[in-house]
């Protein structure tokens, strides 16, 4: 697939500098950057999901404890 990307002057200079420093094609750098970004987004999404699960578990534990206390009191 071929994609066209518009860069402002500053980002274009950064890409050029990286290309020269790393001795890599600009397209390789862009592909690697996109891959890293996608990995980071997926990792962040997974982390948020796990945090939500843990929050739900803690809420359920509290609800269970509260119910147990009421049951122990004979209600």
PDB file of N, CA and C in Angstrom:
ATOM      1  N   UNK A   1       0.841  -1.172   0.000  1.00  0.00           N
ATOM      2  CA  UNK A   1       0.000   0.000   0.000  1.00  0.00           C
ATOM      3  C   UNK A   1       0.889   1.240   0.000  1.00  0.00           C
ATOM      4  N   UNK A   2       0.486   2.207  -0.726  1.00  0.00           N
ATOM      5  CA  UNK A   2       1.186   3.481  -0.757  1.00  0.00           C
ATOM      6  C   UNK A   2       0.322   4.506  -0.056  1.00  0.00           C
ATOM      7  N   UNK A   3       0.938   5.298   0.830  1.00  0.00           N
ATOM      8  CA  UNK A   3       0.215   6.338   1.556  1.00  0.00           C
ATOM      9  C   UNK A   3       0.999   7.640   1.440  1.00  0.00           C
ATOM     10  N   UNK A   4       0.276   8.718   1.334  1.00  0.00           N
ATOM     11  CA  UNK A   4       0.899  10.038   1.295  1.00  0.00           C
ATOM     12  C   UNK A   4       0.710  10.693   2.644  1.00  0.00           C
ATOM     13  N   UNK A   5       1.801  11.250   3.166  1.00  0.00           N
ATOM     14  CA  UNK A   5       1.762  11.907   4.465  1.00  0.00           C
ATOM     15  C   UNK A   5       2.269  13.326   4.295  1.00  0.00           C
ATOM     16  N   UNK A   6       1.500  14.287   4.791  1.00  0.00           N
ATOM     17  CA  UNK A   6       1.936  15.682   4.743  1.00  0.00           C
ATOM     18  C   UNK A   6       2.585  16.031   6.070  1.00  0.00           C
ATOM     19  N   UNK A   7       3.782  16.587   5.995  1.00  0.00           N
ATOM     20  CA  UNK A   7       4.533  16.976   7.180  1.00  0.00           C
ATOM     21  C   UNK A   7       4.796  18.467   7.159  1.00  0.00           C
ATOM     22  N   UNK A   8       4.764  19.083   8.344  1.00  0.00           N
ATOM     23  CA  UNK A   8       5.173  20.479   8.399  1.00  0.00           C
ATOM     24  C   UNK A   8       6.701  20.515   8.289  1.00  0.00           C
ATOM     25  N   UNK A   9       7.252  21.693   8.113  1.00  0.00           N
ATOM     26  CA  UNK A   9       8.685  21.843   7.864  1.00  0.00           C
ATOM     27  C   UNK A   9       9.533  21.271   9.003  1.00  0.00           C
ATOM     28  N   UNK A  10       9.105  21.499  10.232  1.00  0.00           N
ATOM     29  CA  UNK A  10       9.868  21.029  11.396  1.00  0.00           C
ATOM     30  C   UNK A  10       9.915  19.505  11.436  1.00  0.00           C
ATOM     31  N   UNK A  11       8.774  18.887  11.225  1.00  0.00           N
ATOM     32  CA  UNK A  11       8.714  17.426  11.248  1.00  0.00           C
ATOM     33  C   UNK A  11       9.472  16.830  10.060  1.00  0.00           C
ATOM     34  N   UNK A  12       9.414  17.496   8.941  1.00  0.00           N
ATOM     35  CA  UNK A  12      10.157  17.036   7.766  1.00  0.00           C
ATOM     36  C   UNK A  12      11.662  17.054   8.043  1.00  0.00           C
ATOM     37  N   UNK A  13      12.142  18.102   8.695  1.00  0.00           N
ATOM     38  CA  UNK A  13      13.572  18.195   9.041  1.00  0.00           C
ATOM     39  C   UNK A  13      13.946  17.110  10.055  1.00  0.00           C
ATOM     40  N   UNK A  14      13.039  16.848  10.989  1.00  0.00           N
ATOM     41  CA  UNK A  14      13.288  15.799  11.975  1.00  0.00           C
ATOM     42  C   UNK A  14      13.409  14.446  11.284  1.00  0.00           C
ATOM     43  N   UNK A  15      12.505  14.179  10.360  1.00  0.00           N
ATOM     44  CA  UNK A  15      12.538  12.918   9.624  1.00  0.00           C
ATOM     45  C   UNK A  15      13.810  12.809   8.800  1.00  0.00           C
ATOM     46  N   UNK A  16      14.187  13.880   8.166  1.00  0.00           N
ATOM     47  CA  UNK A  16      15.421  13.892   7.362  1.00  0.00           C
ATOM     48  C   UNK A  16      16.637  13.615   8.243  1.00  0.00           C
ATOM     49  N   UNK A  17      16.679  14.267   9.402  1.00  0.00           N
ATOM     50  CA  UNK A  17      17.802  14.095  10.327  1.00  0.00           C
ATOM     51  C   UNK A  17      17.864  12.651  10.844  1.00  0.00           C
ATOM     52  N   UNK A  18      16.700  12.098  11.201  1.00  0.00           N
ATOM     53  CA  UNK A  18      16.662  10.711  11.650  1.00  0.00           C
ATOM     54  C   UNK A  18      17.125   9.757  10.554  1.00  0.00           C
ATOM     55  N   UNK A  19      16.681  10.011   9.358  1.00  0.00           N
ATOM     56  CA  UNK A  19      17.048   9.181   8.223  1.00  0.00           C
ATOM     57  C   UNK A  19      18.563   9.159   8.032  1.00  0.00           C
ATOM     58  N   UNK A  20      19.184  10.308   8.121  1.00  0.00           N
ATOM     59  CA  UNK A  20      20.639  10.393   7.955  1.00  0.00           C
ATOM     60  C   UNK A  20      21.375   9.761   9.141  1.00  0.00           C
ATOM     61  N   UNK A  21      20.889  10.043  10.345  1.00  0.00           N
ATOM     62  CA  UNK A  21      21.546   9.532  11.548  1.00  0.00           C
ATOM     63  C   UNK A  21      21.473   8.016  11.637  1.00  0.00           C
ATOM     64  N   UNK A  22      20.303   7.471  11.340  1.00  0.00           N
ATOM     65  CA  UNK A  22      20.084   6.032  11.472  1.00  0.00           C
ATOM     66  C   UNK A  22      20.423   5.245  10.211  1.00  0.00           C
ATOM     67  N   UNK A  23      20.709   5.968   9.132  1.00  0.00           N
ATOM     68  CA  UNK A  23      20.982   5.335   7.837  1.00  0.00           C
ATOM     69  C   UNK A  23      19.814   4.440   7.430  1.00  0.00           C
ATOM     70  N   UNK A  24      18.618   4.985   7.596  1.00  0.00           N
ATOM     71  CA  UNK A  24      17.400   4.273   7.218  1.00  0.00           C
ATOM     72  C   UNK A  24      16.599   5.123   6.252  1.00  0.00           C
ATOM     73  N   UNK A  25      15.781   4.442   5.455  1.00  0.00           N
ATOM     74  CA  UNK A  25      14.874   5.161   4.565  1.00  0.00           C
ATOM     75  C   UNK A  25      13.804   5.854   5.405  1.00  0.00           C
ATOM     76  N   UNK A  26      13.339   6.973   4.910  1.00  0.00           N
ATOM     77  CA  UNK A  26      12.276   7.716   5.602  1.00  0.00           C
ATOM     78  C   UNK A  26      11.042   6.844   5.772  1.00  0.00           C
ATOM     79  N   UNK A  27      10.718   6.078   4.761  1.00  0.00           N
ATOM     80  CA  UNK A  27       9.532   5.219   4.841  1.00  0.00           C
ATOM     81  C   UNK A  27       9.691   4.166   5.942  1.00  0.00           C
ATOM     82  N   UNK A  28      10.912   3.659   6.137  1.00  0.00           N
ATOM     83  CA  UNK A  28      11.150   2.687   7.203  1.00  0.00           C
ATOM     84  C   UNK A  28      10.938   3.330   8.572  1.00  0.00           C
ATOM     85  N   UNK A  29      11.398   4.549   8.727  1.00  0.00           N
ATOM     86  CA  UNK A  29      11.233   5.270   9.989  1.00  0.00           C
ATOM     87  C   UNK A  29       9.753   5.525  10.263  1.00  0.00           C
ATOM     88  N   UNK A  30       9.026   5.923   9.238  1.00  0.00           N
ATOM     89  CA  UNK A  30       7.590   6.179   9.396  1.00  0.00           C
ATOM     90  C   UNK A  30       6.860   4.895   9.762  1.00  0.00           C
ATOM     91  N   UNK A  31       7.187   3.781   9.109  1.00  0.00           N
ATOM     92  CA  UNK A  31       6.553   2.495   9.430  1.00  0.00           C
ATOM     93  C   UNK A  31       6.840   2.094  10.869  1.00  0.00           C
ATOM     94  N   UNK A  32       8.105   2.243  11.284  1.00  0.00           N
ATOM     95  CA  UNK A  32       8.478   1.884  12.654  1.00  0.00           C
ATOM     96  C   UNK A  32       7.754   2.771  13.665  1.00  0.00           C
ATOM     97  N   UNK A  33       7.658   4.062  13.370  1.00  0.00           N
ATOM     98  CA  UNK A  33       6.961   4.987  14.269  1.00  0.00           C
ATOM     99  C   UNK A  33       5.482   4.617  14.381  1.00  0.00           C
ATOM    100  N   UNK A  34       4.872   4.283  13.273  1.00  0.00           N
ATOM    101  CA  UNK A  34       3.454   3.893  13.284  1.00  0.00           C
ATOM    102  C   UNK A  34       3.257   2.602  14.070  1.00  0.00           C
ATOM    103  N   UNK A  35       4.162   1.659  13.884  1.00  0.00           N
ATOM    104  CA  UNK A  35       4.074   0.396  14.618  1.00  0.00           C
ATOM    105  C   UNK A  35       4.203   0.643  16.123  1.00  0.00           C
ATOM    106  N   UNK A  36       5.166   1.462  16.522  1.00  0.00           N
ATOM    107  CA  UNK A  36       5.350   1.765  17.952  1.00  0.00           C
ATOM    108  C   UNK A  36       4.124   2.472  18.522  1.00  0.00           C
ATOM    109  N   UNK A  37       3.571   3.395  17.768  1.00  0.00           N
ATOM    110  CA  UNK A  37       2.386   4.122  18.220  1.00  0.00           C
ATOM    111  C   UNK A  37       1.206   3.173  18.402  1.00  0.00           C
ATOM    112  N   UNK A  38       1.002   2.296  17.440  1.00  0.00           N
ATOM    113  CA  UNK A  38      -0.100   1.333  17.523  1.00  0.00           C
ATOM    114  C   UNK A  38       0.082   0.407  18.722  1.00  0.00           C
ATOM    115  N   UNK A  39       1.302  -0.028  18.966  1.00  0.00           N
ATOM    116  CA  UNK A  39       1.597  -0.883  20.113  1.00  0.00           C
ATOM    117  C   UNK A  39       1.299  -0.145  21.413  1.00  0.00           C
ATOM    118  N   UNK A  40       1.678   1.118  21.479  1.00  0.00           N
ATOM    119  CA  UNK A  40       1.426   1.923  22.672  1.00  0.00           C
ATOM    120  C   UNK A  40      -0.068   2.116  22.910  1.00  0.00           C
ATOM    121  N   UNK A  41      -0.812   2.385  21.850  1.00  0.00           N
ATOM    122  CA  UNK A  41      -2.261   2.563  21.977  1.00  0.00           C
ATOM    123  C   UNK A  41      -2.911   1.281  22.481  1.00  0.00           C
ATOM    124  N   UNK A  42      -2.525   0.152  21.916  1.00  0.00           N
ATOM    125  CA  UNK A  42      -3.088  -1.128  22.355  1.00  0.00           C
ATOM    126  C   UNK A  42      -2.726  -1.424  23.806  1.00  0.00           C
ATOM    127  N   UNK A  43      -1.493  -1.119  24.172  1.00  0.00           N
ATOM    128  CA  UNK A  43      -1.048  -1.343  25.546  1.00  0.00           C
ATOM    129  C   UNK A  43      -1.838  -0.464  26.515  1.00  0.00           C
ATOM    130  N   UNK A  44      -2.040   0.787  26.144  1.00  0.00           N
ATOM    131  CA  UNK A  44      -2.806   1.709  26.975  1.00  0.00           C
ATOM    132  C   UNK A  44      -4.242   1.235  27.108  1.00  0.00           C
ATOM    133  N   UNK A  45      -4.814   0.770  26.006  1.00  0.00           N
ATOM    134  CA  UNK A  45      -6.191   0.267  26.020  1.00  0.00           C
ATOM    135  C   UNK A  45      -6.293  -0.938  26.948  1.00  0.00           C
ATOM    136  N   UNK A  46      -5.358  -1.850  26.842  1.00  0.00           N
ATOM    137  CA  UNK A  46      -5.355  -3.036  27.697  1.00  0.00           C
ATOM    138  C   UNK A  46      -5.213  -2.647  29.163  1.00  0.00           C
ATOM    139  N   UNK A  47      -4.331  -1.704  29.439  1.00  0.00           N
ATOM    140  CA  UNK A  47      -4.135  -1.242  30.815  1.00  0.00           C
ATOM    141  C   UNK A  47      -5.417  -0.641  31.370  1.00  0.00           C
ATOM    142  N   UNK A  48      -6.097   0.184  30.583  1.00  0.00           N
ATOM    143  CA  UNK A  48      -7.350   0.789  31.045  1.00  0.00           C
ATOM    144  C   UNK A  48      -8.420  -0.257  31.295  1.00  0.00           C
ATOM    145  N   UNK A  49      -8.482  -1.263  30.454  1.00  0.00           N
ATOM    146  CA  UNK A  49      -9.462  -2.340  30.641  1.00  0.00           C
ATOM    147  C   UNK A  49      -9.158  -3.097  31.929  1.00  0.00           C
ATOM    148  N   UNK A  50      -7.892  -3.432  32.155  1.00  0.00           N
ATOM    149  CA  UNK A  50      -7.520  -4.150  33.379  1.00  0.00           C
ATOM    150  C   UNK A  50      -7.798  -3.313  34.622  1.00  0.00           C
ATOM    151  N   UNK A  51      -7.552  -2.008  34.550  1.00  0.00           N
ATOM    152  CA  UNK A  51      -7.858  -1.128  35.672  1.00  0.00           C
ATOM    153  C   UNK A  51      -9.360  -1.103  35.952  1.00  0.00           C
ATOM    154  N   UNK A  52     -10.159  -1.072  34.902  1.00  0.00           N
ATOM    155  CA  UNK A  52     -11.619  -1.082  35.068  1.00  0.00           C
ATOM    156  C   UNK A  52     -12.086  -2.399  35.688  1.00  0.00           C
ATOM    157  N   UNK A  53     -11.487  -3.493  35.267  1.00  0.00           N
ATOM    158  CA  UNK A  53     -11.842  -4.795  35.835  1.00  0.00           C
ATOM    159  C   UNK A  53     -11.505  -4.824  37.321  1.00  0.00           C
ATOM    160  N   UNK A  54     -10.321  -4.360  37.662  1.00  0.00           N
ATOM    161  CA  UNK A  54      -9.917  -4.356  39.073  1.00  0.00           C
ATOM    162  C   UNK A  54     -10.810  -3.447  39.907  1.00  0.00           C
ATOM    163  N   UNK A  55     -11.186  -2.308  39.361  1.00  0.00           N
ATOM    164  CA  UNK A  55     -12.076  -1.398  40.075  1.00  0.00           C
ATOM    165  C   UNK A  55     -13.431  -2.074  40.317  1.00  0.00           C
ATOM    166  N   UNK A  56     -13.926  -2.774  39.315  1.00  0.00           N
ATOM    167  CA  UNK A  56     -15.194  -3.488  39.443  1.00  0.00           C
ATOM    168  C   UNK A  56     -15.086  -4.595  40.490  1.00  0.00           C
ATOM    169  N   UNK A  57     -13.977  -5.312  40.483  1.00  0.00           N
ATOM    170  CA  UNK A  57     -13.772  -6.371  41.472  1.00  0.00           C
ATOM    171  C   UNK A  57     -13.790  -5.792  42.885  1.00  0.00           C
ATOM    172  N   UNK A  58     -13.091  -4.678  43.085  1.00  0.00           N
ATOM    173  CA  UNK A  58     -13.053  -4.055  44.409  1.00  0.00           C
ATOM    174  C   UNK A  58     -14.443  -3.599  44.842  1.00  0.00           C
ATOM    175  N   UNK A  59     -15.191  -3.045  43.910  1.00  0.00           N
ATOM    176  CA  UNK A  59     -16.554  -2.611  44.205  1.00  0.00           C
ATOM    177  C   UNK A  59     -17.423  -3.811  44.583  1.00  0.00           C
ATOM    178  N   UNK A  60     -17.269  -4.903  43.851  1.00  0.00           N
ATOM    179  CA  UNK A  60     -18.026  -6.121  44.157  1.00  0.00           C
ATOM    180  C   UNK A  60     -17.648  -6.682  45.527  1.00  0.00           C
ATOM    181  N   UNK A  61     -16.361  -6.635  45.857  1.00  0.00           N
ATOM    182  CA  UNK A  61     -15.917  -7.114  47.172  1.00  0.00           C
ATOM    183  C   UNK A  61     -16.549  -6.286  48.283  1.00  0.00           C
ATOM    184  N   UNK A  62     -16.585  -4.970  48.110  1.00  0.00           N
ATOM    185  CA  UNK A  62     -17.174  -4.090  49.118  1.00  0.00           C
ATOM    186  C   UNK A  62     -18.662  -4.394  49.260  1.00  0.00           C
ATOM    187  N   UNK A  63     -19.345  -4.540  48.134  1.00  0.00           N
ATOM    188  CA  UNK A  63     -20.768  -4.859  48.168  1.00  0.00           C
ATOM    189  C   UNK A  63     -21.005  -6.184  48.894  1.00  0.00           C
ATOM    190  N   UNK A  64     -20.169  -7.166  48.618  1.00  0.00           N
ATOM    191  CA  UNK A  64     -20.290  -8.465  49.274  1.00  0.00           C
ATOM    192  C   UNK A  64     -20.063  -8.332  50.789  1.00  0.00           C
ATOM    193  N   UNK A  65     -19.036  -7.585  51.186  1.00  0.00           N
ATOM    194  CA  UNK A  65     -18.769  -7.382  52.615  1.00  0.00           C
ATOM    195  C   UNK A  65     -19.955  -6.696  53.292  1.00  0.00           C
ATOM    196  N   UNK A  66     -20.483  -5.659  52.629  1.00  0.00           N
ATOM    197  CA  UNK A  66     -21.638  -4.952  53.187  1.00  0.00           C
ATOM    198  C   UNK A  66     -22.833  -5.900  53.352  1.00  0.00           C
ATOM    199  N   UNK A  67     -23.053  -6.743  52.357  1.00  0.00           N
ATOM    200  CA  UNK A  67     -24.154  -7.712  52.424  1.00  0.00           C
ATOM    201  C   UNK A  67     -23.931  -8.703  53.563  1.00  0.00           C
ATOM    202  N   UNK A  68     -22.707  -9.193  53.694  1.00  0.00           N
ATOM    203  CA  UNK A  68     -22.378 -10.126  54.773  1.00  0.00           C
ATOM    204  C   UNK A  68     -22.617  -9.496  56.131  1.00  0.00           C
ATOM    205  N   UNK A  69     -22.253  -8.227  56.300  1.00  0.00           N
ATOM    206  CA  UNK A  69     -22.479  -7.527  57.571  1.00  0.00           C
ATOM    207  C   UNK A  69     -23.970  -7.446  57.874  1.00  0.00           C
ATOM    208  N   UNK A  70     -24.771  -7.118  56.855  1.00  0.00           N
ATOM    209  CA  UNK A  70     -26.227  -7.045  57.059  1.00  0.00           C
ATOM    210  C   UNK A  70     -26.791  -8.422  57.422  1.00  0.00           C
ATOM    211  N   UNK A  71     -26.296  -9.455  56.764  1.00  0.00           N
ATOM    212  CA  UNK A  71     -26.777 -10.808  57.032  1.00  0.00           C
ATOM    213  C   UNK A  71     -26.403 -11.223  58.448  1.00  0.00           C
ATOM    214  N   UNK A  72     -25.205 -10.844  58.870  1.00  0.00           N
ATOM    215  CA  UNK A  72     -24.764 -11.182  60.236  1.00  0.00           C
ATOM    216  C   UNK A  72     -25.610 -10.468  61.302  1.00  0.00           C
ATOM    217  N   UNK A  73     -26.137  -9.312  60.925  1.00  0.00           N
ATOM    218  CA  UNK A  73     -26.975  -8.569  61.858  1.00  0.00           C
ATOM    219  C   UNK A  73     -28.416  -9.098  61.874  1.00  0.00           C
ATOM    220  N   UNK A  74     -28.697 -10.061  61.031  1.00  0.00           N
ATOM    221  CA  UNK A  74     -30.002 -10.689  61.025  1.00  0.00           C
ATOM    222  C   UNK A  74     -31.011 -10.013  60.108  1.00  0.00           C
ATOM    223  N   UNK A  75     -30.556  -9.188  59.175  1.00  0.00           N
ATOM    224  CA  UNK A  75     -31.498  -8.548  58.250  1.00  0.00           C
ATOM    225  C   UNK A  75     -31.684  -9.327  56.989  1.00  0.00           C
TER     226      UNK A  75
END
